[in-house]
């Protein structure tokens, strides 16, 4: 399921023809959907970042300040399109605000920005696989 489909269901639950598959996933109100989704996604990726704070949110987006393992602080924006780096709040990052690089997942964005995230993710996966054997 795409993020936009889940968002649209949460915002307009009676208009969706696929209510049964997404109904249990939608626990947020439209006003808090992006904040809750950003927080959930960052919690899941906590092994590969130092810290985060959701700094703002509304019914269209959420923005979080994230401290990467490299020590760089970035601002990540989540909209119905996906995750992107908030270029206006990240000096030194790409200033292409008309066409920012949109990632469908937070994991993809972090892999694109942080070599230490990739390394930590591999270590975490290998450790989980070793625990299975």
N, C-alpha and C. Protein backbone atom coordinates (compact mmCIF):
# COMPACT_ATOMS: atom_id res chain seq x y z
N UNK A 1 0.83 -1.17 0.00
CA UNK A 1 0.00 0.00 0.00
C UNK A 1 0.88 1.24 0.00
N UNK A 2 0.52 2.20 -0.81
CA UNK A 2 1.27 3.44 -0.88
C UNK A 2 0.81 4.38 0.23
N UNK A 3 1.72 5.27 0.64
CA UNK A 3 1.43 6.24 1.69
C UNK A 3 0.23 7.11 1.33
N UNK A 4 0.13 7.51 0.08
CA UNK A 4 -0.97 8.37 -0.34
C UNK A 4 -2.30 7.65 -0.21
N UNK A 5 -2.33 6.33 -0.47
CA UNK A 5 -3.58 5.57 -0.33
C UNK A 5 -4.03 5.53 1.12
N UNK A 6 -3.08 5.30 2.02
CA UNK A 6 -3.41 5.28 3.44
C UNK A 6 -3.88 6.65 3.91
N UNK A 7 -3.20 7.69 3.47
CA UNK A 7 -3.60 9.05 3.84
C UNK A 7 -5.02 9.35 3.35
N UNK A 8 -5.29 9.02 2.09
CA UNK A 8 -6.62 9.29 1.54
C UNK A 8 -7.70 8.51 2.28
N UNK A 9 -7.39 7.28 2.66
CA UNK A 9 -8.37 6.52 3.42
C UNK A 9 -8.64 7.17 4.77
N UNK A 10 -7.58 7.60 5.44
CA UNK A 10 -7.75 8.23 6.75
C UNK A 10 -8.53 9.53 6.65
N UNK A 11 -8.32 10.23 5.57
CA UNK A 11 -8.98 11.52 5.40
C UNK A 11 -10.42 11.37 4.93
N UNK A 12 -10.67 10.39 4.07
CA UNK A 12 -11.99 10.17 3.48
C UNK A 12 -12.37 8.69 3.59
N UNK A 13 -12.62 8.17 4.79
CA UNK A 13 -12.82 6.73 4.95
C UNK A 13 -14.03 6.17 4.22
N UNK A 14 -15.06 6.94 4.03
CA UNK A 14 -16.26 6.42 3.38
C UNK A 14 -16.14 6.40 1.86
N UNK A 15 -15.16 7.09 1.32
CA UNK A 15 -14.99 7.15 -0.14
C UNK A 15 -14.13 6.01 -0.66
N UNK A 16 -13.44 5.32 0.22
CA UNK A 16 -12.52 4.27 -0.22
C UNK A 16 -13.25 2.99 -0.55
N UNK A 17 -12.88 2.37 -1.66
CA UNK A 17 -13.46 1.09 -2.03
C UNK A 17 -12.69 -0.07 -1.40
N UNK A 18 -11.59 0.22 -0.75
CA UNK A 18 -10.73 -0.81 -0.18
C UNK A 18 -10.63 -0.65 1.32
N UNK A 19 -11.75 -0.39 1.98
CA UNK A 19 -11.74 -0.09 3.41
C UNK A 19 -11.23 -1.22 4.28
N UNK A 20 -11.55 -2.44 3.95
CA UNK A 20 -11.21 -3.55 4.84
C UNK A 20 -9.71 -3.73 5.00
N UNK A 21 -8.92 -3.47 3.97
CA UNK A 21 -7.49 -3.70 4.06
C UNK A 21 -6.74 -2.57 4.76
N UNK A 22 -7.31 -1.39 4.83
CA UNK A 22 -6.60 -0.29 5.45
C UNK A 22 -7.25 0.20 6.73
N UNK A 23 -8.44 -0.22 7.02
CA UNK A 23 -9.17 0.29 8.18
C UNK A 23 -8.43 0.14 9.48
N UNK A 24 -7.80 -1.01 9.70
CA UNK A 24 -7.10 -1.23 10.96
C UNK A 24 -5.80 -0.43 11.04
N UNK A 25 -5.28 0.03 9.90
CA UNK A 25 -4.03 0.79 9.90
C UNK A 25 -4.25 2.26 10.23
N UNK A 26 -5.48 2.73 10.11
CA UNK A 26 -5.76 4.15 10.25
C UNK A 26 -6.26 4.45 11.65
N UNK A 27 -5.39 4.85 12.52
CA UNK A 27 -5.76 5.19 13.87
C UNK A 27 -5.65 6.68 14.13
N UNK A 28 -5.08 7.43 13.22
CA UNK A 28 -4.87 8.86 13.38
C UNK A 28 -6.01 9.66 12.77
N UNK A 29 -6.22 10.83 13.31
CA UNK A 29 -7.15 11.76 12.68
C UNK A 29 -6.40 12.43 11.53
N UNK A 30 -7.11 13.00 10.55
CA UNK A 30 -6.41 13.67 9.46
C UNK A 30 -5.43 14.73 9.95
N UNK A 31 -5.77 15.43 11.01
CA UNK A 31 -4.90 16.50 11.51
C UNK A 31 -3.59 15.95 12.08
N UNK A 32 -3.59 14.73 12.59
CA UNK A 32 -2.37 14.20 13.20
C UNK A 32 -1.73 13.09 12.38
N UNK A 33 -2.29 12.76 11.22
CA UNK A 33 -1.79 11.64 10.44
C UNK A 33 -0.30 11.75 10.14
N UNK A 34 0.13 12.89 9.59
CA UNK A 34 1.53 13.02 9.19
C UNK A 34 2.47 13.01 10.39
N UNK A 35 2.06 13.67 11.48
CA UNK A 35 2.88 13.65 12.69
C UNK A 35 3.06 12.22 13.21
N UNK A 36 1.96 11.50 13.30
CA UNK A 36 2.01 10.12 13.81
C UNK A 36 2.83 9.21 12.90
N UNK A 37 2.65 9.35 11.59
CA UNK A 37 3.39 8.53 10.63
C UNK A 37 4.89 8.85 10.67
N UNK A 38 5.23 10.13 10.77
CA UNK A 38 6.64 10.52 10.86
C UNK A 38 7.27 9.92 12.12
N UNK A 39 6.58 10.05 13.23
CA UNK A 39 7.10 9.53 14.50
C UNK A 39 7.27 8.01 14.43
N UNK A 40 6.28 7.32 13.90
CA UNK A 40 6.35 5.86 13.77
C UNK A 40 7.53 5.44 12.90
N UNK A 41 7.69 6.10 11.75
CA UNK A 41 8.77 5.75 10.83
C UNK A 41 10.14 6.01 11.45
N UNK A 42 10.30 7.13 12.14
CA UNK A 42 11.58 7.44 12.77
C UNK A 42 11.87 6.49 13.92
N UNK A 43 10.86 6.11 14.68
CA UNK A 43 11.05 5.10 15.73
C UNK A 43 11.57 3.79 15.14
N UNK A 44 10.98 3.35 14.02
CA UNK A 44 11.40 2.11 13.36
C UNK A 44 12.85 2.17 12.90
N UNK A 45 13.31 3.35 12.51
CA UNK A 45 14.68 3.50 12.00
C UNK A 45 15.64 3.99 13.09
N UNK A 46 15.21 3.94 14.33
CA UNK A 46 16.00 4.45 15.45
C UNK A 46 17.38 3.86 15.58
N UNK A 47 17.57 2.64 15.11
CA UNK A 47 18.90 2.01 15.17
C UNK A 47 19.92 2.76 14.32
N UNK A 48 19.45 3.50 13.31
CA UNK A 48 20.36 4.11 12.34
C UNK A 48 20.43 5.62 12.40
N UNK A 49 19.86 6.21 13.44
CA UNK A 49 19.96 7.65 13.65
C UNK A 49 20.27 7.90 15.12
N UNK A 50 20.83 9.06 15.43
CA UNK A 50 21.13 9.38 16.84
C UNK A 50 19.89 9.82 17.60
N UNK A 51 19.12 10.73 17.00
CA UNK A 51 17.92 11.24 17.68
C UNK A 51 17.04 11.95 16.66
N UNK A 52 15.82 12.23 17.10
CA UNK A 52 14.89 12.99 16.25
C UNK A 52 13.86 13.70 17.11
N UNK A 53 13.30 14.75 16.53
CA UNK A 53 12.19 15.48 17.13
C UNK A 53 11.25 15.91 16.01
N UNK A 54 9.98 15.59 16.13
CA UNK A 54 9.00 16.10 15.18
C UNK A 54 8.76 17.55 15.56
N UNK A 55 9.16 18.46 14.69
CA UNK A 55 9.16 19.88 15.03
C UNK A 55 7.88 20.62 14.64
N UNK A 56 7.18 20.12 13.61
CA UNK A 56 5.93 20.76 13.23
C UNK A 56 5.09 19.77 12.44
N UNK A 57 3.78 20.00 12.45
CA UNK A 57 2.90 19.16 11.65
C UNK A 57 1.56 19.86 11.47
N UNK A 58 0.89 19.50 10.40
CA UNK A 58 -0.47 19.95 10.15
C UNK A 58 -1.15 18.89 9.29
N UNK A 59 -2.28 19.20 8.71
CA UNK A 59 -3.01 18.21 7.94
C UNK A 59 -2.40 17.91 6.58
N UNK A 60 -1.32 18.61 6.22
CA UNK A 60 -0.66 18.39 4.93
C UNK A 60 0.74 17.83 5.02
N UNK A 61 1.40 17.99 6.18
CA UNK A 61 2.79 17.56 6.28
C UNK A 61 3.25 17.49 7.73
N UNK A 62 4.41 16.86 7.90
CA UNK A 62 5.12 16.89 9.18
C UNK A 62 6.58 17.12 8.88
N UNK A 63 7.26 17.81 9.77
CA UNK A 63 8.68 18.06 9.64
C UNK A 63 9.36 17.58 10.90
N UNK A 64 10.49 16.88 10.72
CA UNK A 64 11.24 16.40 11.86
C UNK A 64 12.70 16.80 11.72
N UNK A 65 13.31 17.13 12.84
CA UNK A 65 14.74 17.38 12.91
C UNK A 65 15.40 16.06 13.29
N UNK A 66 16.33 15.60 12.47
CA UNK A 66 16.96 14.29 12.66
C UNK A 66 18.47 14.46 12.74
N UNK A 67 19.06 13.87 13.77
CA UNK A 67 20.51 13.86 13.91
C UNK A 67 21.01 12.53 13.39
N UNK A 68 21.75 12.57 12.28
CA UNK A 68 22.29 11.36 11.66
C UNK A 68 23.48 10.83 12.45
N UNK A 69 23.85 9.58 12.20
CA UNK A 69 24.99 8.99 12.89
C UNK A 69 26.29 9.74 12.59
N UNK A 70 26.36 10.38 11.44
CA UNK A 70 27.54 11.16 11.07
C UNK A 70 27.64 12.46 11.86
N UNK A 71 26.60 12.82 12.59
CA UNK A 71 26.59 14.05 13.37
C UNK A 71 25.94 15.22 12.67
N UNK A 72 25.43 15.02 11.45
CA UNK A 72 24.75 16.07 10.71
C UNK A 72 23.28 16.12 11.12
N UNK A 73 22.77 17.31 11.33
CA UNK A 73 21.35 17.49 11.63
C UNK A 73 20.64 17.89 10.35
N UNK A 74 19.56 17.18 10.04
CA UNK A 74 18.78 17.49 8.84
C UNK A 74 17.31 17.61 9.23
N UNK A 75 16.56 18.28 8.38
CA UNK A 75 15.11 18.38 8.55
C UNK A 75 14.46 17.58 7.44
N UNK A 76 13.62 16.64 7.84
CA UNK A 76 12.93 15.78 6.90
C UNK A 76 11.45 16.17 6.89
N UNK A 77 10.90 16.24 5.68
CA UNK A 77 9.50 16.61 5.50
C UNK A 77 8.74 15.40 4.96
N UNK A 78 7.59 15.12 5.54
CA UNK A 78 6.71 14.06 5.06
C UNK A 78 5.42 14.70 4.57
N UNK A 79 5.08 14.43 3.31
CA UNK A 79 3.82 14.89 2.72
C UNK A 79 3.12 13.68 2.11
N UNK A 80 2.00 13.91 1.46
CA UNK A 80 1.30 12.81 0.80
C UNK A 80 2.12 12.21 -0.34
N UNK A 81 3.13 12.93 -0.82
CA UNK A 81 4.00 12.42 -1.88
C UNK A 81 5.08 11.49 -1.33
N UNK A 82 5.50 11.70 -0.08
CA UNK A 82 6.54 10.89 0.51
C UNK A 82 7.47 11.72 1.37
N UNK A 83 8.69 11.22 1.56
CA UNK A 83 9.69 11.85 2.42
C UNK A 83 10.70 12.62 1.57
N UNK A 84 11.10 13.80 2.05
CA UNK A 84 12.13 14.58 1.37
C UNK A 84 12.91 15.38 2.40
N UNK A 85 14.07 15.84 1.98
CA UNK A 85 14.86 16.73 2.82
C UNK A 85 14.32 18.13 2.62
N UNK A 86 14.03 18.82 3.71
CA UNK A 86 13.53 20.18 3.66
C UNK A 86 14.71 21.09 3.35
N UNK A 87 14.92 21.41 2.06
CA UNK A 87 16.10 22.15 1.62
C UNK A 87 16.17 23.55 2.21
N UNK A 88 15.03 24.17 2.47
CA UNK A 88 15.03 25.53 3.03
C UNK A 88 15.61 25.55 4.44
N UNK A 89 15.47 24.46 5.17
CA UNK A 89 15.95 24.40 6.54
C UNK A 89 17.26 23.64 6.69
N UNK A 90 17.87 23.26 5.57
CA UNK A 90 19.12 22.50 5.59
C UNK A 90 20.17 23.21 4.76
N UNK A 91 20.88 24.18 5.33
CA UNK A 91 21.93 24.86 4.58
C UNK A 91 22.94 23.86 4.04
N UNK A 92 23.35 24.07 2.80
CA UNK A 92 24.31 23.17 2.19
C UNK A 92 23.68 22.02 1.43
N UNK A 93 22.40 21.79 1.63
CA UNK A 93 21.71 20.75 0.88
C UNK A 93 21.24 21.36 -0.44
N UNK A 94 20.77 20.51 -1.33
CA UNK A 94 20.28 20.96 -2.62
C UNK A 94 19.21 22.03 -2.43
N UNK A 95 19.30 23.09 -3.20
CA UNK A 95 18.32 24.17 -3.13
C UNK A 95 17.20 24.00 -4.15
N UNK A 96 17.08 22.84 -4.77
CA UNK A 96 16.04 22.60 -5.76
C UNK A 96 14.72 22.35 -5.04
N UNK A 97 14.07 23.42 -4.61
CA UNK A 97 12.82 23.28 -3.85
C UNK A 97 11.62 23.07 -4.76
N UNK A 98 11.75 23.33 -6.06
CA UNK A 98 10.62 23.10 -6.96
C UNK A 98 10.49 21.61 -7.28
N UNK A 99 11.58 20.87 -7.29
CA UNK A 99 11.56 19.44 -7.57
C UNK A 99 12.45 18.69 -6.58
N UNK A 100 12.09 18.68 -5.30
CA UNK A 100 12.93 17.95 -4.35
C UNK A 100 12.85 16.45 -4.63
N UNK A 101 13.89 15.73 -4.24
CA UNK A 101 13.89 14.28 -4.41
C UNK A 101 12.93 13.70 -3.37
N UNK A 102 11.92 13.01 -3.85
CA UNK A 102 10.90 12.42 -2.99
C UNK A 102 11.20 10.93 -2.86
N UNK A 103 11.20 10.44 -1.63
CA UNK A 103 11.42 9.02 -1.36
C UNK A 103 10.12 8.44 -0.81
N UNK A 104 9.75 7.26 -1.30
CA UNK A 104 8.51 6.64 -0.83
C UNK A 104 8.63 6.19 0.62
N UNK A 105 9.85 5.88 1.06
CA UNK A 105 10.04 5.45 2.44
C UNK A 105 11.14 6.27 3.11
N UNK A 106 11.07 6.34 4.44
CA UNK A 106 12.12 7.00 5.20
C UNK A 106 13.42 6.23 5.07
N UNK A 107 13.32 4.92 5.03
CA UNK A 107 14.50 4.07 4.86
C UNK A 107 15.27 4.44 3.60
N UNK A 108 14.57 4.63 2.49
CA UNK A 108 15.21 5.00 1.22
C UNK A 108 15.90 6.36 1.33
N UNK A 109 15.25 7.32 1.98
CA UNK A 109 15.86 8.64 2.16
C UNK A 109 17.13 8.53 2.99
N UNK A 110 17.08 7.80 4.10
CA UNK A 110 18.26 7.67 4.96
C UNK A 110 19.39 6.93 4.25
N UNK A 111 19.06 5.93 3.45
CA UNK A 111 20.09 5.23 2.69
C UNK A 111 20.77 6.16 1.69
N UNK A 112 20.02 7.09 1.16
CA UNK A 112 20.55 8.04 0.19
C UNK A 112 21.47 9.07 0.85
N UNK A 113 21.23 9.39 2.13
CA UNK A 113 21.96 10.46 2.80
C UNK A 113 23.08 10.01 3.74
N UNK A 114 23.00 8.80 4.27
CA UNK A 114 23.87 8.43 5.38
C UNK A 114 24.56 7.09 5.17
N UNK A 115 25.85 7.11 4.82
CA UNK A 115 26.61 5.86 4.72
C UNK A 115 26.64 5.08 6.04
N UNK A 116 26.67 5.78 7.16
CA UNK A 116 26.67 5.09 8.45
C UNK A 116 25.32 4.43 8.74
N UNK A 117 24.25 4.99 8.23
CA UNK A 117 22.94 4.35 8.36
C UNK A 117 22.96 3.01 7.62
N UNK A 118 23.49 3.01 6.41
CA UNK A 118 23.56 1.77 5.62
C UNK A 118 24.36 0.72 6.37
N UNK A 119 25.51 1.12 6.91
CA UNK A 119 26.36 0.19 7.66
C UNK A 119 25.63 -0.36 8.89
N UNK A 120 24.99 0.52 9.65
CA UNK A 120 24.29 0.11 10.87
C UNK A 120 23.09 -0.78 10.52
N UNK A 121 22.42 -0.50 9.42
CA UNK A 121 21.28 -1.31 8.99
C UNK A 121 21.75 -2.73 8.66
N UNK A 122 22.87 -2.85 7.95
CA UNK A 122 23.41 -4.17 7.62
C UNK A 122 23.79 -4.92 8.89
N UNK A 123 24.44 -4.25 9.82
CA UNK A 123 24.82 -4.88 11.09
C UNK A 123 23.59 -5.38 11.84
N UNK A 124 22.55 -4.56 11.85
CA UNK A 124 21.31 -4.92 12.55
C UNK A 124 20.64 -6.12 11.89
N UNK A 125 20.61 -6.14 10.55
CA UNK A 125 20.02 -7.27 9.84
C UNK A 125 20.81 -8.55 10.07
N UNK A 126 22.13 -8.47 10.01
CA UNK A 126 22.96 -9.66 10.24
C UNK A 126 22.78 -10.19 11.66
N UNK A 127 22.70 -9.30 12.63
CA UNK A 127 22.48 -9.71 14.02
C UNK A 127 21.13 -10.41 14.17
N UNK A 128 20.11 -9.88 13.51
CA UNK A 128 18.78 -10.51 13.58
C UNK A 128 18.79 -11.89 12.93
N UNK A 129 19.51 -12.02 11.81
CA UNK A 129 19.60 -13.31 11.15
C UNK A 129 20.36 -14.33 11.99
N UNK A 130 21.40 -13.87 12.67
CA UNK A 130 22.16 -14.77 13.55
C UNK A 130 21.29 -15.26 14.71
N UNK A 131 20.43 -14.42 15.21
CA UNK A 131 19.53 -14.81 16.29
C UNK A 131 18.50 -15.85 15.86
N UNK A 132 18.21 -15.90 14.57
CA UNK A 132 17.27 -16.89 14.06
C UNK A 132 17.88 -18.28 13.96
N UNK A 133 19.20 -18.34 13.82
CA UNK A 133 19.84 -19.65 13.65
C UNK A 133 20.25 -20.29 14.95
